[in-house]
Amino acid sequence: MAYAKLHVLSRITESGLVAIVRTDNSDQASRIVEACVDGGAAAIEITFTVPRATAIIEELAKRFSTRELALGAGTVLDPETARIAVLAGAQFVVSPSLNTATARLCNRYQIPYLPGAGTIREIVEAMEAGADIIKVFPGDTLGRAFVKAAKAPLPQASLMPTGGVSIDNAAEWIAAGSVALGVGGNLTAGAKTGDFKSITDLTRRFISAIKEARQR
């Protein structure tokens, strides 16, 4: 189990991209996932705001092997939902804020936990609770300067901004010290018009931008 946890974290950090699927249509959610995978996405988060999220996670867990995709559950507010997600096949759990009971459950089953944080104190509390990566949220409000500032006293913190990350500023988020980027609407907007090819193309561009930024 410990190896599986390290494998998932490696998939997230090596790729540097977590594609976030948040839609009000379960069929559309599946098509978004397919488009992201076609573009090379290594990690995808299905939020629990998506109708039938548990069923979608179960379906995707059967369709894609752990070598093909690190499958996560997002907007997980409590340990009960986290356990449901893990039993359905989720390999990592994401929350908008730290919930210590959820952190304990994820640690118990060796599932990576990525809680949201918006202050230095919240980042430290998340790390002390055993969080593997801390989601800087909301990223569009906090900004890239927050990540850079937080890394000064906390160089050991693994930070992943979510919200406000676009193809135009992806490199800047990486340069600020982010280990990965959580991208939702700015990646998946094409689904609203049925343009899933744009999602595939944009996924490739994000992965390429992250790789190039790391090499600078």
C-alpha atoms as a PDB file:
ATOM      1  CA  MET A   1       0.000   0.000   0.000  1.00  0.00           C
ATOM      2  CA  ALA A   2       2.866   2.388   0.835  1.00  0.00           C
ATOM      3  CA  TYR A   3       4.327   1.747  -2.624  1.00  0.00           C
ATOM      4  CA  ALA A   4       0.968   2.595  -4.205  1.00  0.00           C
ATOM      5  CA  LYS A   5       0.899   5.891  -2.319  1.00  0.00           C
ATOM      6  CA  LEU A   6       4.381   6.817  -3.482  1.00  0.00           C
ATOM      7  CA  HIS A   7       3.435   5.849  -7.036  1.00  0.00           C
ATOM      8  CA  VAL A   8       0.420   8.176  -7.024  1.00  0.00           C
ATOM      9  CA  LEU A   9       2.383  11.079  -5.566  1.00  0.00           C
ATOM     10  CA  SER A  10       5.092  10.481  -8.148  1.00  0.00           C
ATOM     11  CA  ARG A  11       2.532  10.558 -10.962  1.00  0.00           C
ATOM     12  CA  ILE A  12       1.192  13.891  -9.712  1.00  0.00           C
ATOM     13  CA  THR A  13       4.534  15.592  -9.165  1.00  0.00           C
ATOM     14  CA  GLU A  14       6.322  14.252 -12.235  1.00  0.00           C
ATOM     15  CA  SER A  15       3.518  15.301 -14.559  1.00  0.00           C
ATOM     16  CA  GLY A  16       2.845  18.461 -12.605  1.00  0.00           C
ATOM     17  CA  LEU A  17      -0.778  18.613 -13.719  1.00  0.00           C
ATOM     18  CA  VAL A  18      -3.962  17.564 -11.943  1.00  0.00           C
ATOM     19  CA  ALA A  19      -6.923  17.975 -14.283  1.00  0.00           C
ATOM     20  CA  ILE A  20     -10.017  18.854 -12.254  1.00  0.00           C
ATOM     21  CA  VAL A  21     -13.366  17.678 -13.571  1.00  0.00           C
ATOM     22  CA  ARG A  22     -16.239  19.764 -12.227  1.00  0.00           C
ATOM     23  CA  THR A  23     -19.442  19.604 -14.259  1.00  0.00           C
ATOM     24  CA  ASP A  24     -23.173  19.128 -13.703  1.00  0.00           C
ATOM     25  CA  ASN A  25     -23.363  16.304 -16.252  1.00  0.00           C
ATOM     26  CA  SER A  26     -21.949  12.848 -15.490  1.00  0.00           C
ATOM     27  CA  ASP A  27     -21.706  11.844 -19.165  1.00  0.00           C
ATOM     28  CA  GLN A  28     -19.811  15.013 -19.922  1.00  0.00           C
ATOM     29  CA  ALA A  29     -17.475  14.283 -17.018  1.00  0.00           C
ATOM     30  CA  SER A  30     -16.489  10.937 -18.559  1.00  0.00           C
ATOM     31  CA  ARG A  31     -15.805  12.567 -21.935  1.00  0.00           C
ATOM     32  CA  ILE A  32     -13.661  15.236 -20.281  1.00  0.00           C
ATOM     33  CA  VAL A  33     -11.592  12.527 -18.586  1.00  0.00           C
ATOM     34  CA  GLU A  34     -11.079  10.734 -21.905  1.00  0.00           C
ATOM     35  CA  ALA A  35      -9.984  13.991 -23.544  1.00  0.00           C
ATOM     36  CA  CYS A  36      -7.495  14.712 -20.749  1.00  0.00           C
ATOM     37  CA  VAL A  37      -6.068  11.189 -20.859  1.00  0.00           C
ATOM     38  CA  ASP A  38      -5.682  11.476 -24.637  1.00  0.00           C
ATOM     39  CA  GLY A  39      -3.667  14.630 -23.994  1.00  0.00           C
ATOM     40  CA  GLY A  40      -1.333  12.827 -21.601  1.00  0.00           C
ATOM     41  CA  ALA A  41      -2.834  13.738 -18.231  1.00  0.00           C
ATOM     42  CA  ALA A  42      -1.394  11.498 -15.514  1.00  0.00           C
ATOM     43  CA  ALA A  43      -3.712  12.627 -12.697  1.00  0.00           C
ATOM     44  CA  ILE A  44      -7.394  13.557 -12.776  1.00  0.00           C
ATOM     45  CA  GLU A  45      -9.661  14.674  -9.954  1.00  0.00           C
ATOM     46  CA  ILE A  46     -13.401  14.009 -10.048  1.00  0.00           C
ATOM     47  CA  THR A  47     -15.108  16.438  -7.685  1.00  0.00           C
ATOM     48  CA  PHE A  48     -17.993  15.300  -5.525  1.00  0.00           C
ATOM     49  CA  THR A  49     -20.046  18.168  -6.912  1.00  0.00           C
ATOM     50  CA  VAL A  50     -20.410  16.086 -10.106  1.00  0.00           C
ATOM     51  CA  PRO A  51     -23.669  14.087 -10.214  1.00  0.00           C
ATOM     52  CA  ARG A  52     -23.030  10.363  -9.628  1.00  0.00           C
ATOM     53  CA  ALA A  53     -19.399  11.109  -8.747  1.00  0.00           C
ATOM     54  CA  THR A  54     -18.974   7.776  -6.965  1.00  0.00           C
ATOM     55  CA  ALA A  55     -20.246   5.815  -9.986  1.00  0.00           C
ATOM     56  CA  ILE A  56     -17.963   7.791 -12.307  1.00  0.00           C
ATOM     57  CA  ILE A  57     -14.941   7.035 -10.131  1.00  0.00           C
ATOM     58  CA  GLU A  58     -15.869   3.333 -10.070  1.00  0.00           C
ATOM     59  CA  GLU A  59     -16.207   3.269 -13.849  1.00  0.00           C
ATOM     60  CA  LEU A  60     -12.905   5.065 -14.451  1.00  0.00           C
ATOM     61  CA  ALA A  61     -11.075   2.864 -11.930  1.00  0.00           C
ATOM     62  CA  LYS A  62     -12.155  -0.172 -13.947  1.00  0.00           C
ATOM     63  CA  ARG A  63     -11.305   1.403 -17.292  1.00  0.00           C
ATOM     64  CA  PHE A  64      -7.846   2.790 -16.502  1.00  0.00           C
ATOM     65  CA  SER A  65      -5.036   1.000 -14.695  1.00  0.00           C
ATOM     66  CA  THR A  66      -3.011   2.765 -12.033  1.00  0.00           C
ATOM     67  CA  ARG A  67      -0.159   2.885 -14.552  1.00  0.00           C
ATOM     68  CA  GLU A  68      -2.354   4.858 -16.944  1.00  0.00           C
ATOM     69  CA  LEU A  69      -4.018   7.255 -14.546  1.00  0.00           C
ATOM     70  CA  ALA A  70      -3.891   8.477 -10.953  1.00  0.00           C
ATOM     71  CA  LEU A  71      -7.566   8.935 -10.162  1.00  0.00           C
ATOM     72  CA  GLY A  72      -8.599  11.301  -7.402  1.00  0.00           C
ATOM     73  CA  ALA A  73     -11.736  12.479  -5.634  1.00  0.00           C
ATOM     74  CA  GLY A  74     -12.198  16.194  -5.006  1.00  0.00           C
ATOM     75  CA  THR A  75     -14.389  18.438  -2.846  1.00  0.00           C
ATOM     76  CA  VAL A  76     -14.212  15.794  -0.119  1.00  0.00           C
ATOM     77  CA  LEU A  77     -15.442  17.479   3.058  1.00  0.00           C
ATOM     78  CA  ASP A  78     -15.448  14.620   5.564  1.00  0.00           C
ATOM     79  CA  PRO A  79     -14.014  11.156   6.283  1.00  0.00           C
ATOM     80  CA  GLU A  80     -17.260   9.426   5.330  1.00  0.00           C
ATOM     81  CA  THR A  81     -17.074  10.783   1.784  1.00  0.00           C
ATOM     82  CA  ALA A  82     -13.356  10.030   1.654  1.00  0.00           C
ATOM     83  CA  ARG A  83     -13.950   6.376   2.541  1.00  0.00           C
ATOM     84  CA  ILE A  84     -16.710   6.090  -0.074  1.00  0.00           C
ATOM     85  CA  ALA A  85     -14.353   7.573  -2.666  1.00  0.00           C
ATOM     86  CA  VAL A  86     -11.494   5.234  -1.776  1.00  0.00           C
ATOM     87  CA  LEU A  87     -13.742   2.175  -1.897  1.00  0.00           C
ATOM     88  CA  ALA A  88     -14.938   3.327  -5.326  1.00  0.00           C
ATOM     89  CA  GLY A  89     -11.341   3.415  -6.544  1.00  0.00           C
ATOM     90  CA  ALA A  90     -10.028   6.901  -5.820  1.00  0.00           C
ATOM     91  CA  GLN A  91      -6.263   6.893  -5.354  1.00  0.00           C
ATOM     92  CA  PHE A  92      -5.960  10.350  -3.811  1.00  0.00           C
ATOM     93  CA  VAL A  93      -8.305  12.694  -1.943  1.00  0.00           C
ATOM     94  CA  VAL A  94      -8.589  16.466  -2.299  1.00  0.00           C
ATOM     95  CA  SER A  95     -10.415  18.864   0.043  1.00  0.00           C
ATOM     96  CA  PRO A  96     -11.027  22.632  -0.113  1.00  0.00           C
ATOM     97  CA  SER A  97      -9.737  22.893   3.470  1.00  0.00           C
ATOM     98  CA  LEU A  98      -8.105  20.701   6.081  1.00  0.00           C
ATOM     99  CA  ASN A  99     -10.317  18.200   7.869  1.00  0.00           C
ATOM    100  CA  THR A 100      -8.214  16.348  10.432  1.00  0.00           C
ATOM    101  CA  ALA A 101     -10.557  13.350  10.556  1.00  0.00           C
ATOM    102  CA  THR A 102     -10.229  12.987   6.789  1.00  0.00           C
ATOM    103  CA  ALA A 103      -6.458  13.314   7.103  1.00  0.00           C
ATOM    104  CA  ARG A 104      -6.386  10.507   9.686  1.00  0.00           C
ATOM    105  CA  LEU A 105      -8.521   8.251   7.502  1.00  0.00           C
ATOM    106  CA  CYS A 106      -6.315   8.826   4.459  1.00  0.00           C
ATOM    107  CA  ASN A 107      -3.179   8.209   6.515  1.00  0.00           C
ATOM    108  CA  ARG A 108      -4.741   5.020   7.890  1.00  0.00           C
ATOM    109  CA  TYR A 109      -5.229   3.624   4.405  1.00  0.00           C
ATOM    110  CA  GLN A 110      -2.097   5.209   2.917  1.00  0.00           C
ATOM    111  CA  ILE A 111      -4.044   7.402   0.493  1.00  0.00           C
ATOM    112  CA  PRO A 112      -2.456  10.747  -0.474  1.00  0.00           C
ATOM    113  CA  TYR A 113      -4.387  13.663   1.023  1.00  0.00           C
ATOM    114  CA  LEU A 114      -4.361  17.136  -0.548  1.00  0.00           C
ATOM    115  CA  PRO A 115      -6.244  19.648   1.636  1.00  0.00           C
ATOM    116  CA  GLY A 116      -6.675  23.301   0.749  1.00  0.00           C
ATOM    117  CA  ALA A 117      -4.903  26.072   2.649  1.00  0.00           C
ATOM    118  CA  GLY A 118      -4.843  29.838   2.308  1.00  0.00           C
ATOM    119  CA  THR A 119      -2.469  30.963   5.086  1.00  0.00           C
ATOM    120  CA  ILE A 120       0.939  29.966   6.416  1.00  0.00           C
ATOM    121  CA  ARG A 121      -0.720  28.665   9.576  1.00  0.00           C
ATOM    122  CA  GLU A 122      -3.097  26.474   7.556  1.00  0.00           C
ATOM    123  CA  ILE A 123      -0.209  25.100   5.498  1.00  0.00           C
ATOM    124  CA  VAL A 124       1.716  24.170   8.644  1.00  0.00           C
ATOM    125  CA  GLU A 125      -1.372  22.581  10.224  1.00  0.00           C
ATOM    126  CA  ALA A 126      -1.959  20.553   7.060  1.00  0.00           C
ATOM    127  CA  MET A 127       1.642  19.350   7.052  1.00  0.00           C
ATOM    128  CA  GLU A 128       1.429  18.420  10.733  1.00  0.00           C
ATOM    129  CA  ALA A 129      -1.743  16.437   9.974  1.00  0.00           C
ATOM    130  CA  GLY A 130       0.200  14.416   7.412  1.00  0.00           C
ATOM    131  CA  ALA A 131      -0.944  16.073   4.182  1.00  0.00           C
ATOM    132  CA  ASP A 132       1.244  15.025   1.278  1.00  0.00           C
ATOM    133  CA  ILE A 133       0.591  18.018  -0.960  1.00  0.00           C
ATOM    134  CA  ILE A 134      -1.167  21.190   0.135  1.00  0.00           C
ATOM    135  CA  LYS A 135      -3.630  22.760  -2.288  1.00  0.00           C
ATOM    136  CA  VAL A 136      -3.150  26.522  -2.332  1.00  0.00           C
ATOM    137  CA  PHE A 137      -6.761  27.640  -2.577  1.00  0.00           C
ATOM    138  CA  PRO A 138      -8.233  29.831  -3.880  1.00  0.00           C
ATOM    139  CA  GLY A 139      -5.247  30.397  -6.139  1.00  0.00           C
ATOM    140  CA  ASP A 140      -6.813  33.234  -8.087  1.00  0.00           C
ATOM    141  CA  THR A 141      -7.216  35.223  -4.859  1.00  0.00           C
ATOM    142  CA  LEU A 142      -3.893  34.330  -3.238  1.00  0.00           C
ATOM    143  CA  GLY A 143      -1.768  34.654  -6.380  1.00  0.00           C
ATOM    144  CA  ARG A 144       1.624  33.357  -7.378  1.00  0.00           C
ATOM    145  CA  ALA A 145       3.374  35.708  -4.950  1.00  0.00           C
ATOM    146  CA  PHE A 146       1.787  33.791  -2.060  1.00  0.00           C
ATOM    147  CA  VAL A 147       3.396  30.526  -3.169  1.00  0.00           C
ATOM    148  CA  LYS A 148       6.794  32.186  -3.482  1.00  0.00           C
ATOM    149  CA  ALA A 149       6.426  33.869  -0.092  1.00  0.00           C
ATOM    150  CA  ALA A 150       5.270  30.660   1.603  1.00  0.00           C
ATOM    151  CA  LYS A 151       8.209  28.689   0.238  1.00  0.00           C
ATOM    152  CA  ALA A 152      10.682  31.051   1.929  1.00  0.00           C
ATOM    153  CA  PRO A 153       9.952  29.926   5.515  1.00  0.00           C
ATOM    154  CA  LEU A 154       8.572  26.555   4.399  1.00  0.00           C
ATOM    155  CA  PRO A 155      10.841  25.228   1.624  1.00  0.00           C
ATOM    156  CA  GLN A 156       9.758  21.690   2.535  1.00  0.00           C
ATOM    157  CA  ALA A 157       6.098  22.415   1.726  1.00  0.00           C
ATOM    158  CA  SER A 158       4.713  20.776  -1.414  1.00  0.00           C
ATOM    159  CA  LEU A 159       2.237  23.310  -2.779  1.00  0.00           C
ATOM    160  CA  MET A 160      -0.278  22.930  -5.607  1.00  0.00           C
ATOM    161  CA  PRO A 161      -2.298  26.017  -6.551  1.00  0.00           C
ATOM    162  CA  THR A 162      -5.874  25.505  -7.686  1.00  0.00           C
ATOM    163  CA  GLY A 163      -7.985  28.297  -9.098  1.00  0.00           C
ATOM    164  CA  GLY A 164      -6.602  30.981 -11.366  1.00  0.00           C
ATOM    165  CA  VAL A 165      -4.154  28.657 -13.130  1.00  0.00           C
ATOM    166  CA  SER A 166      -4.169  29.092 -16.906  1.00  0.00           C
ATOM    167  CA  ILE A 167      -1.942  28.158 -19.809  1.00  0.00           C
ATOM    168  CA  ASP A 168      -0.711  31.757 -19.840  1.00  0.00           C
ATOM    169  CA  ASN A 169       0.549  31.727 -16.236  1.00  0.00           C
ATOM    170  CA  ALA A 170       1.350  28.027 -15.679  1.00  0.00           C
ATOM    171  CA  ALA A 171       5.090  28.610 -16.024  1.00  0.00           C
ATOM    172  CA  GLU A 172       4.952  31.439 -13.479  1.00  0.00           C
ATOM    173  CA  TRP A 173       3.221  29.220 -10.900  1.00  0.00           C
ATOM    174  CA  ILE A 174       5.937  26.598 -11.369  1.00  0.00           C
ATOM    175  CA  ALA A 175       8.689  29.216 -11.120  1.00  0.00           C
ATOM    176  CA  ALA A 176       7.143  30.419  -7.845  1.00  0.00           C
ATOM    177  CA  GLY A 177       7.741  26.967  -6.338  1.00  0.00           C
ATOM    178  CA  SER A 178       4.614  24.902  -7.068  1.00  0.00           C
ATOM    179  CA  VAL A 179       5.158  21.133  -7.316  1.00  0.00           C
ATOM    180  CA  ALA A 180       2.017  20.717  -9.421  1.00  0.00           C
ATOM    181  CA  LEU A 181      -0.926  22.690 -10.764  1.00  0.00           C
ATOM    182  CA  GLY A 182      -4.618  21.954 -10.280  1.00  0.00           C
ATOM    183  CA  VAL A 183      -6.523  23.141 -13.345  1.00  0.00           C
ATOM    184  CA  GLY A 184     -10.274  22.991 -13.834  1.00  0.00           C
ATOM    185  CA  GLY A 185     -12.342  25.392 -15.916  1.00  0.00           C
ATOM    186  CA  ASN A 186      -9.353  26.884 -17.707  1.00  0.00           C
ATOM    187  CA  LEU A 187      -8.629  23.410 -19.064  1.00  0.00           C
ATOM    188  CA  THR A 188     -12.068  21.917 -19.547  1.00  0.00           C
ATOM    189  CA  ALA A 189     -14.118  24.885 -20.812  1.00  0.00           C
ATOM    190  CA  GLY A 190     -14.338  23.356 -24.303  1.00  0.00           C
ATOM    191  CA  ALA A 191     -16.737  20.726 -22.967  1.00  0.00           C
ATOM    192  CA  LYS A 192     -19.506  23.335 -22.785  1.00  0.00           C
ATOM    193  CA  THR A 193     -19.553  23.552 -26.589  1.00  0.00           C
ATOM    194  CA  GLY A 194     -18.680  19.907 -27.236  1.00  0.00           C
ATOM    195  CA  ASP A 195     -15.120  20.783 -28.232  1.00  0.00           C
ATOM    196  CA  PHE A 196     -13.311  17.962 -26.441  1.00  0.00           C
ATOM    197  CA  LYS A 197     -10.384  18.122 -28.862  1.00  0.00           C
ATOM    198  CA  SER A 198      -9.498  21.517 -27.405  1.00  0.00           C
ATOM    199  CA  ILE A 199      -9.225  19.875 -23.981  1.00  0.00           C
ATOM    200  CA  THR A 200      -6.850  17.253 -25.347  1.00  0.00           C
ATOM    201  CA  ASP A 201      -4.720  19.901 -27.050  1.00  0.00           C
ATOM    202  CA  LEU A 202      -4.688  22.147 -23.990  1.00  0.00           C
ATOM    203  CA  THR A 203      -3.699  19.249 -21.742  1.00  0.00           C
ATOM    204  CA  ARG A 204      -0.647  18.677 -23.934  1.00  0.00           C
ATOM    205  CA  ARG A 205       0.196  22.368 -23.786  1.00  0.00           C
ATOM    206  CA  PHE A 206      -0.044  22.461 -19.982  1.00  0.00           C
ATOM    207  CA  ILE A 207       2.233  19.440 -19.605  1.00  0.00           C
ATOM    208  CA  SER A 208       4.731  20.948 -22.029  1.00  0.00           C
ATOM    209  CA  ALA A 209       4.651  24.354 -20.310  1.00  0.00           C
ATOM    210  CA  ILE A 210       5.264  22.767 -16.901  1.00  0.00           C
ATOM    211  CA  LYS A 211       8.179  20.708 -18.233  1.00  0.00           C
ATOM    212  CA  GLU A 212       9.787  23.716 -19.888  1.00  0.00           C
ATOM    213  CA  ALA A 213       9.344  25.870 -16.788  1.00  0.00           C
ATOM    214  CA  ARG A 214      11.106  23.261 -14.648  1.00  0.00           C
ATOM    215  CA  GLN A 215      14.091  23.239 -16.979  1.00  0.00           C
ATOM    216  CA  ARG A 216      14.723  26.973 -16.688  1.00  0.00           C
END
